[in-house]
Protein backbone atom coordinates (compact mmCIF):
# COMPACT_ATOMS: atom_id res chain seq x y z
CA MET A 1 95.43 101.73 102.91
CA ARG A 2 96.14 102.17 99.22
CA ILE A 3 93.81 100.98 96.48
CA LEU A 4 93.78 100.81 92.70
CA VAL A 5 90.65 102.22 91.04
CA ILE A 6 89.75 101.21 87.49
CA GLU A 7 86.98 103.58 86.44
CA HIS A 8 86.10 105.68 83.36
CA ASP A 9 83.43 107.99 84.82
CA SER A 10 85.23 111.15 85.94
CA SER A 11 82.25 112.43 87.98
CA PHE A 12 82.15 109.16 89.95
CA VAL A 13 85.93 109.35 90.46
CA ALA A 14 85.56 112.87 91.91
CA VAL A 15 82.92 111.68 94.41
CA LEU A 16 84.97 108.59 95.28
CA LYS A 17 88.13 110.69 95.75
CA LYS A 18 86.36 112.90 98.27
CA GLU A 19 85.14 109.85 100.23
CA LEU A 20 88.52 108.08 100.12
CA ASP A 21 90.38 111.23 101.17
CA GLY A 22 88.01 111.53 104.14
CA GLN A 23 88.85 107.94 105.13
CA LYS A 24 92.59 108.57 104.56
CA ILE A 25 92.66 105.98 101.77
CA ALA A 26 95.07 106.75 98.96
CA PHE A 27 94.38 105.54 95.43
CA ASP A 28 95.74 105.40 91.93
CA LEU A 29 93.47 105.58 88.89
CA ALA A 30 93.78 103.37 85.82
CA HIS A 31 91.76 103.47 82.60
CA SER A 32 93.32 100.74 80.44
CA GLY A 33 94.76 97.26 80.63
CA GLU A 34 98.19 98.73 79.98
CA GLN A 35 97.85 101.10 82.96
CA ILE A 36 96.57 98.26 85.13
CA ARG A 37 99.59 96.10 84.27
CA ALA A 38 102.04 98.96 84.83
CA LEU A 39 100.58 100.03 88.18
CA ALA A 40 100.11 96.46 89.44
CA ALA A 41 103.74 95.72 88.61
CA SER A 42 105.19 98.87 90.14
CA GLN A 43 102.96 99.57 93.16
CA SER A 44 101.66 97.66 96.14
CA TYR A 45 97.89 97.82 96.71
CA ASP A 46 95.69 96.65 99.56
CA ALA A 47 92.66 96.29 97.27
CA ALA A 48 91.13 97.34 93.95
CA VAL A 49 87.80 98.81 92.84
CA LEU A 50 86.95 97.98 89.25
CA ASP A 51 83.98 99.19 87.18
CA VAL A 52 82.97 96.33 84.90
CA ASP A 53 80.69 98.70 82.91
CA SER A 54 83.45 100.43 80.97
CA PRO A 55 82.24 102.33 77.89
CA ASN A 56 84.50 100.36 75.54
CA GLY A 57 83.18 97.06 76.92
CA ASP A 58 86.46 95.76 78.30
CA GLY A 59 85.47 95.56 81.97
CA ALA A 60 85.75 91.77 81.99
CA ALA A 61 89.16 91.97 80.30
CA ALA A 62 90.33 94.53 82.87
CA LEU A 63 89.21 92.23 85.68
CA ARG A 64 91.11 89.32 84.11
CA GLU A 65 94.21 91.54 83.68
CA LEU A 66 94.16 92.64 87.29
CA ARG A 67 93.55 89.13 88.64
CA ALA A 68 96.44 87.80 86.52
CA ALA A 69 98.79 90.59 87.61
CA ARG A 70 97.84 90.40 91.31
CA PRO A 71 96.32 86.98 92.11
CA HIS A 72 95.70 87.73 95.78
CA ILE A 73 94.50 91.35 95.72
CA PRO A 74 90.94 91.85 97.01
CA ILE A 75 88.79 93.18 94.14
CA VAL A 76 85.44 94.94 94.54
CA ALA A 77 83.65 95.05 91.20
CA ILE A 78 80.99 97.68 90.58
CA GLY A 79 78.43 97.66 87.80
CA ALA A 80 74.80 97.70 86.78
CA GLU A 81 72.93 94.59 87.88
CA VAL A 82 70.29 94.98 85.18
CA ARG A 83 72.14 92.71 82.76
CA ALA A 84 71.41 89.07 83.44
CA GLY A 85 74.33 87.37 85.13
CA HIS A 86 76.40 90.55 85.51
CA ARG A 87 77.12 89.93 89.20
CA ALA A 88 77.82 86.23 88.64
CA GLN A 89 80.14 86.98 85.71
CA ALA A 90 82.20 89.46 87.77
CA LEU A 91 82.50 86.99 90.64
CA ASP A 92 83.37 84.15 88.26
CA LEU A 93 86.14 86.27 86.72
CA GLY A 94 87.76 86.81 90.11
CA ALA A 95 86.02 89.68 91.92
CA ASP A 96 85.71 89.15 95.66
CA GLU A 97 82.70 91.46 96.07
CA PHE A 98 80.17 93.09 93.75
CA VAL A 99 78.28 96.34 94.36
CA GLY A 100 75.37 97.08 92.04
CA LYS A 101 74.73 100.55 90.65
CA PRO A 102 73.34 102.83 91.91
CA PHE A 103 74.89 102.58 95.36
CA LYS A 104 75.98 104.75 98.26
CA THR A 105 79.73 105.18 98.62
CA ALA A 106 79.38 103.99 102.24
CA GLU A 107 78.32 100.58 100.90
CA LEU A 108 81.30 100.48 98.54
CA LEU A 109 83.68 101.37 101.38
CA GLY A 110 82.08 98.71 103.59
CA ARG A 111 82.54 96.06 100.89
CA LEU A 112 86.11 97.24 100.43
CA ARG A 113 86.85 96.87 104.16
CA THR A 114 85.22 93.43 104.21
CA ALA A 115 87.26 92.23 101.24
CA THR A 116 90.56 93.50 102.68
CA GLN A 117 89.86 92.03 106.12
CA ARG A 118 88.98 88.67 104.57
CA SER A 119 92.17 88.81 102.49
CA ALA A 120 94.28 89.63 105.57
CA ARG A 121 92.77 86.66 107.44
CA GLN A 122 93.48 84.37 104.49
CA ALA A 123 97.03 85.68 104.27
CA GLY A 124 97.45 84.60 107.84
CA PRO A 125 97.83 86.46 111.06
CA VAL A 126 101.57 85.73 111.26
CA LEU A 127 104.21 86.98 108.82
CA ARG A 128 107.60 85.24 108.88
CA LEU A 129 110.98 85.91 107.32
CA GLU A 130 113.78 83.61 108.43
CA ASN A 131 113.80 83.90 112.25
CA LEU A 132 111.71 87.11 112.34
CA GLU A 133 108.02 86.69 113.16
CA LEU A 134 105.27 89.33 113.22
CA SER A 135 101.86 88.47 114.68
CA ARG A 136 99.07 90.72 113.40
CA ASP A 137 96.59 89.43 115.99
CA ASP A 138 98.44 90.53 119.11
CA HIS A 139 100.92 93.01 117.56
CA ARG A 140 103.87 90.92 118.72
CA VAL A 141 107.27 90.75 117.00
CA THR A 142 109.96 88.20 117.82
CA ARG A 143 113.37 87.42 116.36
CA ALA A 144 114.90 84.06 117.19
CA GLY A 145 112.30 83.74 119.96
CA GLN A 146 113.24 87.07 121.59
CA LYS A 147 110.42 89.63 121.88
CA ILE A 148 111.04 92.98 120.17
CA ARG A 149 109.13 96.06 121.36
CA LEU A 150 107.98 98.37 118.57
CA THR A 151 105.92 101.53 118.45
CA PRO A 152 102.71 101.31 116.39
CA LYS A 153 104.36 103.07 113.43
CA GLU A 154 107.43 100.80 113.63
CA PHE A 155 105.10 97.80 113.68
CA ALA A 156 103.19 99.12 110.64
CA LEU A 157 106.47 99.75 108.81
CA LEU A 158 107.75 96.24 109.52
CA GLU A 159 104.39 94.78 108.48
CA CYS A 160 104.56 96.73 105.20
CA LEU A 161 108.07 95.46 104.51
CA LEU A 162 107.27 91.85 105.43
CA THR A 163 104.09 91.88 103.35
CA ASN A 164 106.20 92.95 100.37
CA ALA A 165 109.20 90.73 101.18
CA GLY A 166 111.41 90.25 98.16
CA GLN A 167 110.03 93.36 96.45
CA CYS A 168 111.38 96.89 96.33
CA VAL A 169 109.20 99.17 98.49
CA THR A 170 109.44 102.82 97.53
CA ARG A 171 109.42 105.73 99.93
CA SER A 172 106.02 106.86 98.64
CA GLU A 173 104.57 103.36 99.17
CA ILE A 174 105.80 103.41 102.77
CA VAL A 175 104.22 106.83 103.33
CA ARG A 176 100.90 105.62 101.89
CA HIS A 177 100.78 102.33 103.79
CA VAL A 178 102.19 103.39 107.15
CA TRP A 179 101.03 107.00 107.44
CA HIS A 180 98.02 106.75 105.07
CA HIS A 181 98.99 109.91 103.21
CA SER A 182 98.76 110.49 99.48
CA ASP A 183 101.93 111.20 97.55
CA ASP A 184 103.67 114.35 98.71
CA PRO A 185 107.10 114.72 97.10
CA LEU A 186 108.17 117.22 99.77
CA THR A 187 107.48 115.02 102.80
CA ASN A 188 110.44 113.77 104.79
CA ILE A 189 108.34 111.69 107.19
CA VAL A 190 110.17 108.46 106.29
CA ASP A 191 113.55 110.08 106.97
CA VAL A 192 112.40 111.42 110.32
C-alpha cells in the first residue's frame, strides 16, 4: 500500500513514519497545494491522510485540491475536534473518515484500512480490460473466458496495472504496490 500524507508537524510525521514502516506502508509527504497536485498527478496512491489543522489555515483548501486531483482516493482527515463543526466540515469537503486529535496511531491505521477496503468494494471486485478479467474476490484471472494461473505476485502486478489502466506505471510504483517496499533506487526486483 502507498499513501499520500499531507501534514506540517514534523514530530507527528516521524511517529507516523515509524508506524507505517512497521506495517510496510510506503508514503510520500506533501506540505502545499502545489506538492499535492504534483504528487497526485505523477504517483498512484491507495489512500491519503490529510491534517486539516495546518498552521497556515489551508487544510480545507488542501482537502479540496486533493479531492479535485483524485476524485476516488480514500481520504482520512485528521484534526482537532474542539472547533464546532470541524468533523462535519472535513466530511462535507470530501474526507471519507475523520480522526480527532489526540489519537493513537492504531486508530488512524484502522480508519485508513477501513477507507481503502470500502473504496476497493466500491471500485468493484472485478477489473476488466477488453477480454481480460481479474476477480479480486476469488483471485481468478481469465482472458477470453480461458482461466490463467498466476502466482500471488503476478496477480498483484496485474491488479496494479489494471487499476492504473491507461496511465504510465513507474518501476518504483510497481515496487511499492506489489512488494510494499519504499523507494530503493538500487533494487532490481521488478527485473527479476
